[in-house]
Amino acid sequence: MAFTRFLRLLFPIQIFLLPSPSLATYALSTADQLTIINQLNLHQTYIDNDSSYASAALWLSLYWPDAIFTANDKFGSTTWYGADPKNDSSLKQAYDFDHSVFPLNDWFHNVDVYQFVDLDPFTPMTDTTPSTSTTAKVHWRWRVNWKVNTTGVVSTGTYDDVFEKRGGVWKCKSRVSNIDANWPDWLFRPYFETRDARFKASKP
């Protein structure tokens, strides 16, 4: 302890700039970072596909079989377990719910800003930088936009993801969705209140 205090007095700036373990715990190669970023883009691209079983299965392919997805909004919180397209109560239910209850044909999804959480800021991102972890955390913003009938933004929010690399492949292990404070519940409420009549599970 005395030696640590001595170092802080001798090199106050350097000691202050050192990241704490909770803020910087791993490094990712350029290839791994770009692969994960592409996964975010594919998530928003695939959700804009049609309501077919094939499209649901394609979206689910971005998740590990034991994945967990939680969505929090003004109507409550729902968690889905597993990414088996043959299991209607897995994450497939989330895809089917969105496509049968809400007018997704009128909307499209975007990836806004993203940030790798706990990534070492002092490790340069180069082609030769090795990854020191098979787990990565990403905090990113999502945005839903109108593409027909009207213009502008439908809603915005954030995702907090955990990605895992297994057998050389990165996929999402867990994802938590949170809405922004200005989420327009008045827009979603008519659809949500008629969800039981609208919901339809996709079939092979």
N, C-alpha and C. Protein backbone atom coordinates (compact mmCIF):
# COMPACT_ATOMS: atom_id res chain seq x y z
N MET A 1 0.83 -1.20 0.00
CA MET A 1 0.00 0.00 0.00
C MET A 1 0.87 1.25 0.00
N ALA A 2 1.95 1.25 0.82
CA ALA A 2 2.83 2.41 0.89
C ALA A 2 3.50 2.65 -0.46
N PHE A 3 3.89 1.56 -1.13
CA PHE A 3 4.54 1.67 -2.43
C PHE A 3 3.58 2.24 -3.48
N THR A 4 2.31 1.80 -3.41
CA THR A 4 1.30 2.31 -4.34
C THR A 4 1.09 3.80 -4.15
N ARG A 5 1.02 4.24 -2.88
CA ARG A 5 0.86 5.67 -2.61
C ARG A 5 2.06 6.45 -3.12
N PHE A 6 3.26 5.86 -2.99
CA PHE A 6 4.47 6.51 -3.48
C PHE A 6 4.41 6.69 -5.00
N LEU A 7 3.93 5.65 -5.72
CA LEU A 7 3.82 5.74 -7.18
C LEU A 7 2.81 6.80 -7.58
N ARG A 8 1.72 6.90 -6.85
CA ARG A 8 0.71 7.91 -7.18
C ARG A 8 1.24 9.32 -6.99
N LEU A 9 2.10 9.52 -6.01
CA LEU A 9 2.70 10.82 -5.80
C LEU A 9 3.75 11.12 -6.86
N LEU A 10 4.47 10.06 -7.26
CA LEU A 10 5.56 10.24 -8.22
C LEU A 10 5.04 10.39 -9.65
N PHE A 11 4.01 9.60 -10.00
CA PHE A 11 3.46 9.62 -11.36
C PHE A 11 1.94 9.78 -11.31
N PRO A 12 1.44 10.92 -10.86
CA PRO A 12 0.00 11.06 -10.67
C PRO A 12 -0.80 10.95 -11.95
N ILE A 13 -0.31 11.49 -13.07
CA ILE A 13 -1.08 11.48 -14.32
C ILE A 13 -1.15 10.07 -14.89
N GLN A 14 0.00 9.40 -14.92
CA GLN A 14 0.02 8.06 -15.48
C GLN A 14 -0.87 7.11 -14.69
N ILE A 15 -0.81 7.18 -13.38
CA ILE A 15 -1.62 6.29 -12.56
C ILE A 15 -3.10 6.57 -12.77
N PHE A 16 -3.45 7.85 -12.91
CA PHE A 16 -4.85 8.24 -13.09
C PHE A 16 -5.39 7.71 -14.42
N LEU A 17 -4.52 7.67 -15.46
CA LEU A 17 -4.98 7.28 -16.78
C LEU A 17 -5.12 5.77 -16.94
N LEU A 18 -4.57 5.00 -16.05
CA LEU A 18 -4.68 3.55 -16.19
C LEU A 18 -6.13 3.12 -16.02
N PRO A 19 -6.67 2.33 -16.96
CA PRO A 19 -8.07 1.91 -16.86
C PRO A 19 -8.26 0.90 -15.74
N SER A 20 -9.38 0.97 -15.08
CA SER A 20 -9.68 -0.01 -14.04
C SER A 20 -10.12 -1.31 -14.70
N PRO A 21 -9.96 -2.46 -14.01
CA PRO A 21 -10.37 -3.73 -14.60
C PRO A 21 -11.82 -3.76 -15.03
N SER A 22 -12.69 -3.01 -14.36
CA SER A 22 -14.10 -3.03 -14.72
C SER A 22 -14.38 -2.27 -16.01
N LEU A 23 -13.42 -1.41 -16.45
CA LEU A 23 -13.63 -0.63 -17.64
C LEU A 23 -12.88 -1.17 -18.85
N ALA A 24 -11.85 -1.94 -18.64
CA ALA A 24 -11.07 -2.46 -19.76
C ALA A 24 -10.56 -3.84 -19.39
N THR A 25 -11.16 -4.86 -19.96
CA THR A 25 -10.83 -6.21 -19.54
C THR A 25 -10.39 -7.12 -20.67
N TYR A 26 -10.53 -6.69 -21.92
CA TYR A 26 -10.16 -7.59 -23.01
C TYR A 26 -9.86 -6.79 -24.27
N ALA A 27 -9.26 -7.47 -25.25
CA ALA A 27 -8.99 -6.89 -26.55
C ALA A 27 -9.64 -7.75 -27.62
N LEU A 28 -10.00 -7.12 -28.73
CA LEU A 28 -10.58 -7.85 -29.86
C LEU A 28 -9.82 -7.49 -31.13
N SER A 29 -9.58 -8.49 -31.95
CA SER A 29 -8.92 -8.23 -33.23
C SER A 29 -9.84 -7.43 -34.14
N THR A 30 -9.26 -6.84 -35.16
CA THR A 30 -10.06 -6.10 -36.13
C THR A 30 -11.10 -7.00 -36.76
N ALA A 31 -10.70 -8.21 -37.11
CA ALA A 31 -11.63 -9.14 -37.75
C ALA A 31 -12.80 -9.48 -36.83
N ASP A 32 -12.51 -9.70 -35.54
CA ASP A 32 -13.58 -10.04 -34.60
C ASP A 32 -14.53 -8.86 -34.41
N GLN A 33 -13.98 -7.65 -34.30
CA GLN A 33 -14.84 -6.48 -34.13
C GLN A 33 -15.74 -6.29 -35.35
N LEU A 34 -15.19 -6.40 -36.54
CA LEU A 34 -15.98 -6.21 -37.74
C LEU A 34 -17.03 -7.30 -37.89
N THR A 35 -16.70 -8.50 -37.48
CA THR A 35 -17.67 -9.60 -37.53
C THR A 35 -18.86 -9.31 -36.63
N ILE A 36 -18.61 -8.84 -35.43
CA ILE A 36 -19.69 -8.53 -34.49
C ILE A 36 -20.52 -7.34 -35.00
N ILE A 37 -19.85 -6.32 -35.52
CA ILE A 37 -20.57 -5.17 -36.06
C ILE A 37 -21.48 -5.62 -37.20
N ASN A 38 -20.99 -6.53 -38.02
CA ASN A 38 -21.82 -7.04 -39.11
C ASN A 38 -23.03 -7.80 -38.57
N GLN A 39 -22.86 -8.47 -37.43
CA GLN A 39 -23.98 -9.17 -36.80
C GLN A 39 -25.08 -8.18 -36.40
N LEU A 40 -24.69 -7.01 -35.90
CA LEU A 40 -25.69 -5.99 -35.55
C LEU A 40 -26.46 -5.56 -36.79
N ASN A 41 -25.73 -5.35 -37.87
CA ASN A 41 -26.36 -4.93 -39.12
C ASN A 41 -27.30 -6.00 -39.66
N LEU A 42 -26.86 -7.25 -39.59
CA LEU A 42 -27.71 -8.35 -40.08
C LEU A 42 -28.97 -8.48 -39.23
N HIS A 43 -28.85 -8.24 -37.93
CA HIS A 43 -30.02 -8.31 -37.06
C HIS A 43 -31.10 -7.34 -37.53
N GLN A 44 -30.70 -6.10 -37.83
CA GLN A 44 -31.65 -5.09 -38.27
C GLN A 44 -32.12 -5.34 -39.71
N THR A 45 -31.28 -5.97 -40.51
CA THR A 45 -31.65 -6.30 -41.89
C THR A 45 -32.64 -7.46 -41.92
N TYR A 46 -32.36 -8.51 -41.17
CA TYR A 46 -33.21 -9.70 -41.18
C TYR A 46 -34.58 -9.45 -40.56
N ILE A 47 -34.66 -8.55 -39.58
CA ILE A 47 -35.95 -8.28 -38.94
C ILE A 47 -36.89 -7.59 -39.93
N ASP A 48 -36.32 -6.99 -40.98
CA ASP A 48 -37.14 -6.33 -41.99
C ASP A 48 -37.62 -7.27 -43.08
N ASN A 49 -37.28 -8.56 -42.99
CA ASN A 49 -37.79 -9.53 -43.95
C ASN A 49 -39.25 -9.83 -43.67
N ASP A 50 -39.84 -10.71 -44.46
CA ASP A 50 -41.27 -10.98 -44.33
C ASP A 50 -41.57 -11.86 -43.11
N SER A 51 -42.82 -12.25 -42.96
CA SER A 51 -43.28 -13.00 -41.78
C SER A 51 -43.19 -14.51 -41.95
N SER A 52 -42.49 -14.98 -42.97
CA SER A 52 -42.43 -16.42 -43.23
C SER A 52 -41.56 -17.15 -42.22
N TYR A 53 -41.74 -18.45 -42.16
CA TYR A 53 -40.94 -19.30 -41.28
C TYR A 53 -39.46 -19.23 -41.66
N ALA A 54 -39.19 -19.20 -42.96
CA ALA A 54 -37.80 -19.14 -43.44
C ALA A 54 -37.12 -17.86 -42.96
N SER A 55 -37.84 -16.75 -42.98
CA SER A 55 -37.27 -15.48 -42.53
C SER A 55 -37.04 -15.49 -41.02
N ALA A 56 -37.97 -16.10 -40.29
CA ALA A 56 -37.79 -16.23 -38.84
C ALA A 56 -36.56 -17.07 -38.53
N ALA A 57 -36.39 -18.17 -39.26
CA ALA A 57 -35.25 -19.06 -39.03
C ALA A 57 -33.94 -18.34 -39.36
N LEU A 58 -33.96 -17.50 -40.39
CA LEU A 58 -32.76 -16.76 -40.76
C LEU A 58 -32.38 -15.79 -39.65
N TRP A 59 -33.35 -15.07 -39.11
CA TRP A 59 -33.10 -14.15 -38.01
C TRP A 59 -32.58 -14.89 -36.78
N LEU A 60 -33.16 -16.05 -36.50
CA LEU A 60 -32.74 -16.85 -35.34
C LEU A 60 -31.32 -17.39 -35.50
N SER A 61 -30.85 -17.51 -36.74
CA SER A 61 -29.50 -18.05 -36.97
C SER A 61 -28.42 -17.13 -36.43
N LEU A 62 -28.78 -15.89 -36.08
CA LEU A 62 -27.82 -14.96 -35.51
C LEU A 62 -27.59 -15.20 -34.02
N TYR A 63 -28.39 -16.08 -33.43
CA TYR A 63 -28.32 -16.36 -31.99
C TYR A 63 -27.83 -17.77 -31.73
N TRP A 64 -27.15 -17.97 -30.60
CA TRP A 64 -26.80 -19.31 -30.17
C TRP A 64 -28.06 -20.03 -29.68
N PRO A 65 -28.10 -21.36 -29.77
CA PRO A 65 -29.31 -22.11 -29.38
C PRO A 65 -29.78 -21.83 -27.95
N ASP A 66 -28.85 -21.46 -27.06
CA ASP A 66 -29.21 -21.20 -25.66
C ASP A 66 -29.34 -19.70 -25.37
N ALA A 67 -29.58 -18.92 -26.40
CA ALA A 67 -29.65 -17.46 -26.24
C ALA A 67 -30.86 -17.03 -25.41
N ILE A 68 -30.73 -15.84 -24.83
CA ILE A 68 -31.80 -15.22 -24.05
C ILE A 68 -32.04 -13.82 -24.59
N PHE A 69 -33.29 -13.47 -24.80
CA PHE A 69 -33.65 -12.15 -25.31
C PHE A 69 -34.71 -11.55 -24.40
N THR A 70 -34.46 -10.34 -23.88
CA THR A 70 -35.42 -9.64 -23.03
C THR A 70 -35.78 -8.30 -23.65
N ALA A 71 -37.07 -8.02 -23.74
CA ALA A 71 -37.55 -6.74 -24.26
C ALA A 71 -38.32 -6.01 -23.17
N ASN A 72 -37.90 -4.79 -22.89
CA ASN A 72 -38.56 -3.96 -21.88
C ASN A 72 -39.18 -2.73 -22.55
N ASP A 73 -40.46 -2.51 -22.31
CA ASP A 73 -41.11 -1.31 -22.81
C ASP A 73 -42.18 -0.87 -21.82
N LYS A 74 -43.01 0.09 -22.20
CA LYS A 74 -44.01 0.64 -21.28
C LYS A 74 -45.16 -0.33 -21.00
N PHE A 75 -45.23 -1.42 -21.77
CA PHE A 75 -46.27 -2.41 -21.55
C PHE A 75 -45.80 -3.55 -20.66
N GLY A 76 -44.51 -3.57 -20.33
CA GLY A 76 -43.99 -4.62 -19.47
C GLY A 76 -42.66 -5.16 -19.95
N SER A 77 -42.31 -6.33 -19.45
CA SER A 77 -41.04 -6.98 -19.78
C SER A 77 -41.31 -8.43 -20.18
N THR A 78 -40.69 -8.86 -21.29
CA THR A 78 -40.85 -10.23 -21.77
C THR A 78 -39.48 -10.82 -22.05
N THR A 79 -39.27 -12.06 -21.66
CA THR A 79 -38.01 -12.76 -21.92
C THR A 79 -38.29 -14.04 -22.67
N TRP A 80 -37.52 -14.27 -23.72
CA TRP A 80 -37.62 -15.50 -24.51
C TRP A 80 -36.32 -16.29 -24.34
N TYR A 81 -36.45 -17.61 -24.34
CA TYR A 81 -35.30 -18.49 -24.12
C TYR A 81 -35.13 -19.43 -25.31
N GLY A 82 -33.91 -19.51 -25.82
CA GLY A 82 -33.61 -20.44 -26.89
C GLY A 82 -33.89 -19.87 -28.27
N ALA A 83 -33.20 -20.40 -29.28
CA ALA A 83 -33.34 -19.90 -30.64
C ALA A 83 -33.66 -21.03 -31.62
N ASP A 84 -34.49 -21.97 -31.18
CA ASP A 84 -34.90 -23.09 -32.03
C ASP A 84 -36.10 -22.67 -32.86
N PRO A 85 -35.99 -22.60 -34.19
CA PRO A 85 -37.13 -22.19 -35.01
C PRO A 85 -38.31 -23.14 -34.93
N LYS A 86 -38.08 -24.37 -34.46
CA LYS A 86 -39.17 -25.34 -34.33
C LYS A 86 -39.93 -25.17 -33.02
N ASN A 87 -39.42 -24.31 -32.15
CA ASN A 87 -40.05 -24.07 -30.85
C ASN A 87 -40.75 -22.71 -30.88
N ASP A 88 -42.07 -22.74 -30.92
CA ASP A 88 -42.84 -21.50 -31.05
C ASP A 88 -42.77 -20.60 -29.82
N SER A 89 -42.27 -21.12 -28.70
CA SER A 89 -42.15 -20.29 -27.50
C SER A 89 -40.74 -19.74 -27.30
N SER A 90 -39.84 -20.03 -28.24
CA SER A 90 -38.48 -19.52 -28.16
C SER A 90 -38.43 -18.09 -28.71
N LEU A 91 -37.22 -17.63 -29.05
CA LEU A 91 -37.10 -16.31 -29.66
C LEU A 91 -37.91 -16.19 -30.95
N LYS A 92 -38.27 -17.32 -31.53
CA LYS A 92 -39.12 -17.30 -32.72
C LYS A 92 -40.43 -16.58 -32.43
N GLN A 93 -40.93 -16.72 -31.20
CA GLN A 93 -42.18 -16.04 -30.84
C GLN A 93 -42.03 -14.53 -30.94
N ALA A 94 -40.86 -14.03 -30.59
CA ALA A 94 -40.61 -12.58 -30.68
C ALA A 94 -40.69 -12.12 -32.13
N TYR A 95 -40.07 -12.89 -33.04
CA TYR A 95 -40.11 -12.55 -34.46
C TYR A 95 -41.54 -12.61 -34.98
N ASP A 96 -42.23 -13.70 -34.68
CA ASP A 96 -43.61 -13.86 -35.15
C ASP A 96 -44.53 -12.79 -34.57
N PHE A 97 -44.32 -12.45 -33.31
CA PHE A 97 -45.14 -11.44 -32.66
C PHE A 97 -44.99 -10.09 -33.36
N ASP A 98 -43.76 -9.67 -33.58
CA ASP A 98 -43.52 -8.38 -34.21
C ASP A 98 -44.12 -8.32 -35.61
N HIS A 99 -44.00 -9.43 -36.36
CA HIS A 99 -44.44 -9.40 -37.74
C HIS A 99 -45.94 -9.58 -37.92
N SER A 100 -46.60 -10.18 -36.96
CA SER A 100 -48.05 -10.37 -37.11
C SER A 100 -48.87 -9.34 -36.34
N VAL A 101 -48.29 -8.76 -35.29
CA VAL A 101 -49.03 -7.80 -34.47
C VAL A 101 -48.82 -6.37 -34.95
N PHE A 102 -47.60 -6.03 -35.33
CA PHE A 102 -47.27 -4.66 -35.71
C PHE A 102 -47.11 -4.53 -37.23
N PRO A 103 -47.28 -3.33 -37.78
CA PRO A 103 -47.19 -3.13 -39.25
C PRO A 103 -45.74 -3.01 -39.71
N LEU A 104 -44.98 -4.07 -39.59
CA LEU A 104 -43.56 -3.99 -39.94
C LEU A 104 -43.32 -3.72 -41.42
N ASN A 105 -44.31 -4.01 -42.26
CA ASN A 105 -44.15 -3.69 -43.67
C ASN A 105 -44.06 -2.18 -43.91
N ASP A 106 -44.52 -1.41 -42.93
CA ASP A 106 -44.48 0.05 -43.07
C ASP A 106 -43.21 0.65 -42.47
N TRP A 107 -42.37 -0.18 -41.84
CA TRP A 107 -41.22 0.32 -41.09
C TRP A 107 -39.92 -0.32 -41.60
N PHE A 108 -38.80 0.26 -41.20
CA PHE A 108 -37.51 -0.41 -41.39
C PHE A 108 -36.61 -0.06 -40.22
N HIS A 109 -35.62 -0.92 -39.97
CA HIS A 109 -34.78 -0.83 -38.78
C HIS A 109 -33.36 -0.40 -39.13
N ASN A 110 -32.76 0.36 -38.22
CA ASN A 110 -31.39 0.84 -38.38
C ASN A 110 -30.53 0.50 -37.17
N VAL A 111 -29.23 0.40 -37.43
CA VAL A 111 -28.22 0.41 -36.37
C VAL A 111 -27.72 1.84 -36.26
N ASP A 112 -27.82 2.42 -35.08
CA ASP A 112 -27.24 3.74 -34.87
C ASP A 112 -25.84 3.55 -34.26
N VAL A 113 -25.45 4.36 -33.31
CA VAL A 113 -24.10 4.24 -32.73
C VAL A 113 -23.98 2.96 -31.90
N TYR A 114 -22.77 2.46 -31.80
CA TYR A 114 -22.50 1.25 -31.01
C TYR A 114 -21.18 1.42 -30.28
N GLN A 115 -21.02 0.66 -29.20
CA GLN A 115 -19.80 0.73 -28.41
C GLN A 115 -19.51 -0.65 -27.81
N PHE A 116 -18.28 -1.10 -27.96
CA PHE A 116 -17.86 -2.31 -27.28
C PHE A 116 -17.59 -1.97 -25.82
N VAL A 117 -18.26 -2.68 -24.93
CA VAL A 117 -18.15 -2.41 -23.50
C VAL A 117 -16.97 -3.19 -22.92
N ASP A 118 -16.21 -2.55 -22.04
CA ASP A 118 -15.06 -3.16 -21.36
C ASP A 118 -13.90 -3.48 -22.29
N LEU A 119 -13.89 -2.87 -23.47
CA LEU A 119 -12.78 -3.11 -24.40
C LEU A 119 -11.60 -2.24 -24.00
N ASP A 120 -10.40 -2.82 -24.02
CA ASP A 120 -9.19 -2.11 -23.60
C ASP A 120 -8.91 -0.95 -24.54
N PRO A 121 -8.98 0.30 -24.07
CA PRO A 121 -8.76 1.45 -24.96
C PRO A 121 -7.31 1.65 -25.34
N PHE A 122 -6.38 0.99 -24.65
CA PHE A 122 -4.96 1.17 -24.92
C PHE A 122 -4.40 0.09 -25.85
N THR A 123 -5.26 -0.84 -26.29
CA THR A 123 -4.82 -1.84 -27.26
C THR A 123 -5.18 -1.35 -28.65
N PRO A 124 -4.21 -1.12 -29.53
CA PRO A 124 -4.53 -0.59 -30.86
C PRO A 124 -5.29 -1.61 -31.68
N MET A 125 -6.26 -1.12 -32.49
CA MET A 125 -7.01 -2.00 -33.36
C MET A 125 -6.27 -2.10 -34.69
N THR A 126 -5.53 -3.17 -34.86
CA THR A 126 -4.77 -3.40 -36.09
C THR A 126 -5.09 -4.79 -36.60
N ASP A 127 -4.62 -5.06 -37.81
CA ASP A 127 -4.86 -6.38 -38.40
C ASP A 127 -4.18 -7.50 -37.62
N THR A 128 -3.18 -7.15 -36.83
CA THR A 128 -2.43 -8.17 -36.09
C THR A 128 -2.76 -8.21 -34.61
N THR A 129 -3.67 -7.35 -34.16
CA THR A 129 -4.05 -7.35 -32.75
C THR A 129 -4.81 -8.64 -32.42
N PRO A 130 -4.31 -9.44 -31.48
CA PRO A 130 -5.01 -10.69 -31.16
C PRO A 130 -6.16 -10.44 -30.18
N SER A 131 -7.20 -11.23 -30.30
CA SER A 131 -8.29 -11.18 -29.33
C SER A 131 -7.87 -11.90 -28.06
N THR A 132 -8.25 -11.36 -26.93
CA THR A 132 -7.92 -11.98 -25.65
C THR A 132 -9.16 -12.54 -24.97
N SER A 133 -10.29 -12.58 -25.69
CA SER A 133 -11.52 -13.08 -25.10
C SER A 133 -12.41 -13.69 -26.17
N THR A 134 -13.20 -14.67 -25.79
CA THR A 134 -14.22 -15.24 -26.68
C THR A 134 -15.60 -14.73 -26.31
N THR A 135 -15.63 -13.69 -25.48
CA THR A 135 -16.87 -13.02 -25.10
C THR A 135 -16.71 -11.53 -25.33
N ALA A 136 -17.73 -10.90 -25.87
CA ALA A 136 -17.70 -9.46 -26.11
C ALA A 136 -19.05 -8.85 -25.75
N LYS A 137 -19.00 -7.65 -25.17
CA LYS A 137 -20.22 -6.93 -24.81
C LYS A 137 -20.35 -5.70 -25.73
N VAL A 138 -21.57 -5.49 -26.20
CA VAL A 138 -21.83 -4.35 -27.08
C VAL A 138 -23.07 -3.61 -26.60
N HIS A 139 -22.94 -2.30 -26.48
CA HIS A 139 -24.08 -1.43 -26.20
C HIS A 139 -24.33 -0.62 -27.47
N TRP A 140 -25.54 -0.69 -28.01
CA TRP A 140 -25.81 0.02 -29.25
C TRP A 140 -27.25 0.53 -29.29
N ARG A 141 -27.44 1.52 -30.15
CA ARG A 141 -28.75 2.13 -30.29
C ARG A 141 -29.47 1.59 -31.52
N TRP A 142 -30.77 1.30 -31.35
CA TRP A 142 -31.60 0.88 -32.49
C TRP A 142 -32.60 1.99 -32.81
N ARG A 143 -33.02 1.99 -34.06
CA ARG A 143 -33.99 2.99 -34.52
C ARG A 143 -34.94 2.35 -35.52
N VAL A 144 -36.23 2.61 -35.36
CA VAL A 144 -37.25 2.15 -36.29
C VAL A 144 -37.80 3.36 -37.02
N ASN A 145 -37.87 3.27 -38.35
CA ASN A 145 -38.28 4.40 -39.18
C ASN A 145 -39.50 4.04 -40.03
N TRP A 146 -40.25 5.06 -40.41
CA TRP A 146 -41.33 4.87 -41.37
C TRP A 146 -40.74 4.79 -42.77
N LYS A 147 -41.30 3.89 -43.61
CA LYS A 147 -40.88 3.84 -45.01
C LYS A 147 -42.05 4.04 -45.97
N VAL A 148 -43.29 3.99 -45.46
CA VAL A 148 -44.47 4.29 -46.27
C VAL A 148 -45.47 5.07 -45.42
N ASN A 149 -46.42 5.68 -46.08
CA ASN A 149 -47.54 6.39 -45.43
C ASN A 149 -47.13 7.69 -44.74
N THR A 150 -46.05 7.67 -44.02
CA THR A 150 -45.59 8.87 -43.35
C THR A 150 -44.07 8.84 -43.28
N THR A 151 -43.46 9.89 -42.75
CA THR A 151 -42.01 9.97 -42.67
C THR A 151 -41.57 10.15 -41.23
N GLY A 152 -40.28 9.93 -41.02
CA GLY A 152 -39.72 10.16 -39.69
C GLY A 152 -39.45 8.88 -38.93
N VAL A 153 -39.24 9.05 -37.63
CA VAL A 153 -38.85 7.95 -36.75
C VAL A 153 -40.08 7.40 -36.03
N VAL A 154 -40.16 6.07 -35.98
CA VAL A 154 -41.23 5.40 -35.23
C VAL A 154 -40.86 5.35 -33.75
N SER A 155 -39.69 4.82 -33.45
CA SER A 155 -39.25 4.70 -32.06
C SER A 155 -37.75 4.44 -32.01
N THR A 156 -37.17 4.66 -30.83
CA THR A 156 -35.74 4.44 -30.63
C THR A 156 -35.51 3.78 -29.28
N GLY A 157 -34.32 3.21 -29.14
CA GLY A 157 -33.95 2.58 -27.87
C GLY A 157 -32.55 2.01 -27.95
N THR A 158 -32.25 1.12 -27.02
CA THR A 158 -30.90 0.55 -26.94
C THR A 158 -30.95 -0.96 -26.80
N TYR A 159 -29.87 -1.59 -27.21
CA TYR A 159 -29.62 -3.01 -26.98
C TYR A 159 -28.35 -3.15 -26.15
N ASP A 160 -28.37 -4.07 -25.21
CA ASP A 160 -27.16 -4.47 -24.49
C ASP A 160 -26.95 -5.95 -24.76
N ASP A 161 -25.88 -6.25 -25.48
CA ASP A 161 -25.64 -7.60 -25.99
C ASP A 161 -24.42 -8.24 -25.37
N VAL A 162 -24.45 -9.55 -25.31
CA VAL A 162 -23.26 -10.35 -25.02
C VAL A 162 -23.09 -11.33 -26.18
N PHE A 163 -21.95 -11.25 -26.84
CA PHE A 163 -21.62 -12.15 -27.93
C PHE A 163 -20.60 -13.18 -27.44
N GLU A 164 -20.73 -14.39 -27.96
CA GLU A 164 -19.76 -15.45 -27.64
C GLU A 164 -19.22 -16.04 -28.93
N LYS A 165 -17.93 -16.39 -28.89
CA LYS A 165 -17.28 -17.03 -30.02
C LYS A 165 -17.11 -18.50 -29.72
N ARG A 166 -17.75 -19.33 -30.51
CA ARG A 166 -17.68 -20.78 -30.33
C ARG A 166 -17.27 -21.43 -31.64
N GLY A 167 -16.21 -22.20 -31.59
CA GLY A 167 -15.74 -22.86 -32.81
C GLY A 167 -15.40 -21.88 -33.91
N GLY A 168 -14.91 -20.70 -33.53
CA GLY A 168 -14.52 -19.69 -34.50
C GLY A 168 -15.67 -18.83 -35.00
N VAL A 169 -16.88 -19.02 -34.45
CA VAL A 169 -18.06 -18.29 -34.91
C VAL A 169 -18.60 -17.40 -33.79
N TRP A 170 -18.87 -16.13 -34.12
CA TRP A 170 -19.47 -15.20 -33.17
C TRP A 170 -20.99 -15.18 -33.36
N LYS A 171 -21.73 -15.32 -32.26
CA LYS A 171 -23.18 -15.15 -32.28
C LYS A 171 -23.62 -14.52 -30.96
N CYS A 172 -24.84 -14.02 -30.97
CA CYS A 172 -25.38 -13.36 -29.78
C CYS A 172 -25.81 -14.40 -28.75
N LYS A 173 -25.35 -14.22 -27.51
CA LYS A 173 -25.71 -15.12 -26.41
C LYS A 173 -26.85 -14.53 -25.58
N SER A 174 -26.86 -13.21 -25.41
CA SER A 174 -27.95 -12.56 -24.69
C SER A 174 -28.14 -11.14 -25.21
N ARG A 175 -29.37 -10.70 -25.17
CA ARG A 175 -29.69 -9.35 -25.67
C ARG A 175 -30.82 -8.78 -24.82
N VAL A 176 -30.65 -7.53 -24.40
CA VAL A 176 -31.68 -6.82 -23.63
C VAL A 176 -32.03 -5.54 -24.37
N SER A 177 -33.31 -5.37 -24.68
CA SER A 177 -33.78 -4.20 -25.38
C SER A 177 -34.49 -3.26 -24.41
N ASN A 178 -34.12 -1.99 -24.46
CA ASN A 178 -34.78 -0.97 -23.65
C ASN A 178 -35.20 0.19 -24.54
N ILE A 179 -36.37 0.73 -24.29
CA ILE A 179 -36.87 1.86 -25.07
C ILE A 179 -36.36 3.17 -24.50
N ASP A 180 -36.38 4.22 -25.33
CA ASP A 180 -36.09 5.55 -24.83
C ASP A 180 -37.32 6.10 -24.11
N ALA A 181 -37.10 7.15 -23.33
CA ALA A 181 -38.19 7.72 -22.51
C ALA A 181 -39.33 8.26 -23.37
N ASN A 182 -39.04 8.66 -24.60
CA ASN A 182 -40.08 9.22 -25.46
C ASN A 182 -40.74 8.17 -26.36
N TRP A 183 -40.59 6.90 -26.02
CA TRP A 183 -41.21 5.81 -26.80
C TRP A 183 -42.71 6.05 -26.91
N PRO A 184 -43.25 6.05 -28.15
CA PRO A 184 -44.66 6.44 -28.35
C PRO A 184 -45.64 5.30 -28.05
N ASP A 185 -45.95 5.10 -26.79
CA ASP A 185 -46.88 4.02 -26.44
C ASP A 185 -48.25 4.22 -27.08
N TRP A 186 -48.63 5.48 -27.34
CA TRP A 186 -49.92 5.75 -28.00
C TRP A 186 -49.97 5.14 -29.39
N LEU A 187 -48.83 5.03 -30.06
CA LEU A 187 -48.77 4.44 -31.40
C LEU A 187 -48.87 2.92 -31.33
N PHE A 188 -48.20 2.32 -30.36
CA PHE A 188 -48.16 0.87 -30.25
C PHE A 188 -49.38 0.28 -29.54
N ARG A 189 -50.04 1.08 -28.71
CA ARG A 189 -51.11 0.54 -27.87
C ARG A 189 -52.25 -0.13 -28.65
N PRO A 190 -52.77 0.47 -29.72
CA PRO A 190 -53.86 -0.21 -30.44
C PRO A 190 -53.48 -1.60 -30.95
N TYR A 191 -52.23 -1.76 -31.38
CA TYR A 191 -51.77 -3.07 -31.84
C TYR A 191 -51.59 -4.01 -30.66
N PHE A 192 -51.03 -3.49 -29.59
CA PHE A 192 -50.76 -4.32 -28.42
C PHE A 192 -52.05 -4.82 -27.79
N GLU A 193 -53.07 -3.99 -27.74
CA GLU A 193 -54.32 -4.37 -27.10
C GLU A 193 -55.10 -5.39 -27.92
N THR A 194 -54.78 -5.52 -29.20
CA THR A 194 -55.43 -6.53 -30.05
C THR A 194 -54.46 -7.64 -30.43
N ARG A 195 -53.41 -7.81 -29.63
CA ARG A 195 -52.35 -8.77 -29.96
C ARG A 195 -52.84 -10.21 -30.04
N ASP A 196 -53.78 -10.60 -29.17
CA ASP A 196 -54.24 -11.99 -29.16
C ASP A 196 -54.95 -12.33 -30.47
N ALA A 197 -55.69 -11.39 -31.00
CA ALA A 197 -56.40 -11.63 -32.27
C ALA A 197 -55.44 -11.55 -33.46
N ARG A 198 -54.40 -10.75 -33.33
CA ARG A 198 -53.49 -10.53 -34.46
C ARG A 198 -52.39 -11.57 -34.56
N PHE A 199 -51.95 -12.11 -33.42
CA PHE A 199 -50.75 -12.95 -33.42
C PHE A 199 -50.94 -14.21 -34.27
N LYS A 200 -49.91 -14.51 -35.04
CA LYS A 200 -49.90 -15.71 -35.86
C LYS A 200 -48.50 -16.26 -35.93
N ALA A 201 -48.32 -17.52 -35.53
CA ALA A 201 -47.00 -18.16 -35.58
C ALA A 201 -46.71 -18.64 -37.00
N SER A 202 -45.50 -18.38 -37.46
CA SER A 202 -45.11 -18.84 -38.78
C SER A 202 -44.88 -20.35 -38.78
N LYS A 203 -45.15 -20.99 -39.90
CA LYS A 203 -45.02 -22.44 -40.00
C LYS A 203 -44.13 -22.80 -41.19
N PRO A 204 -43.41 -23.95 -41.08
CA PRO A 204 -42.54 -24.40 -42.18
C PRO A 204 -43.33 -24.63 -43.46
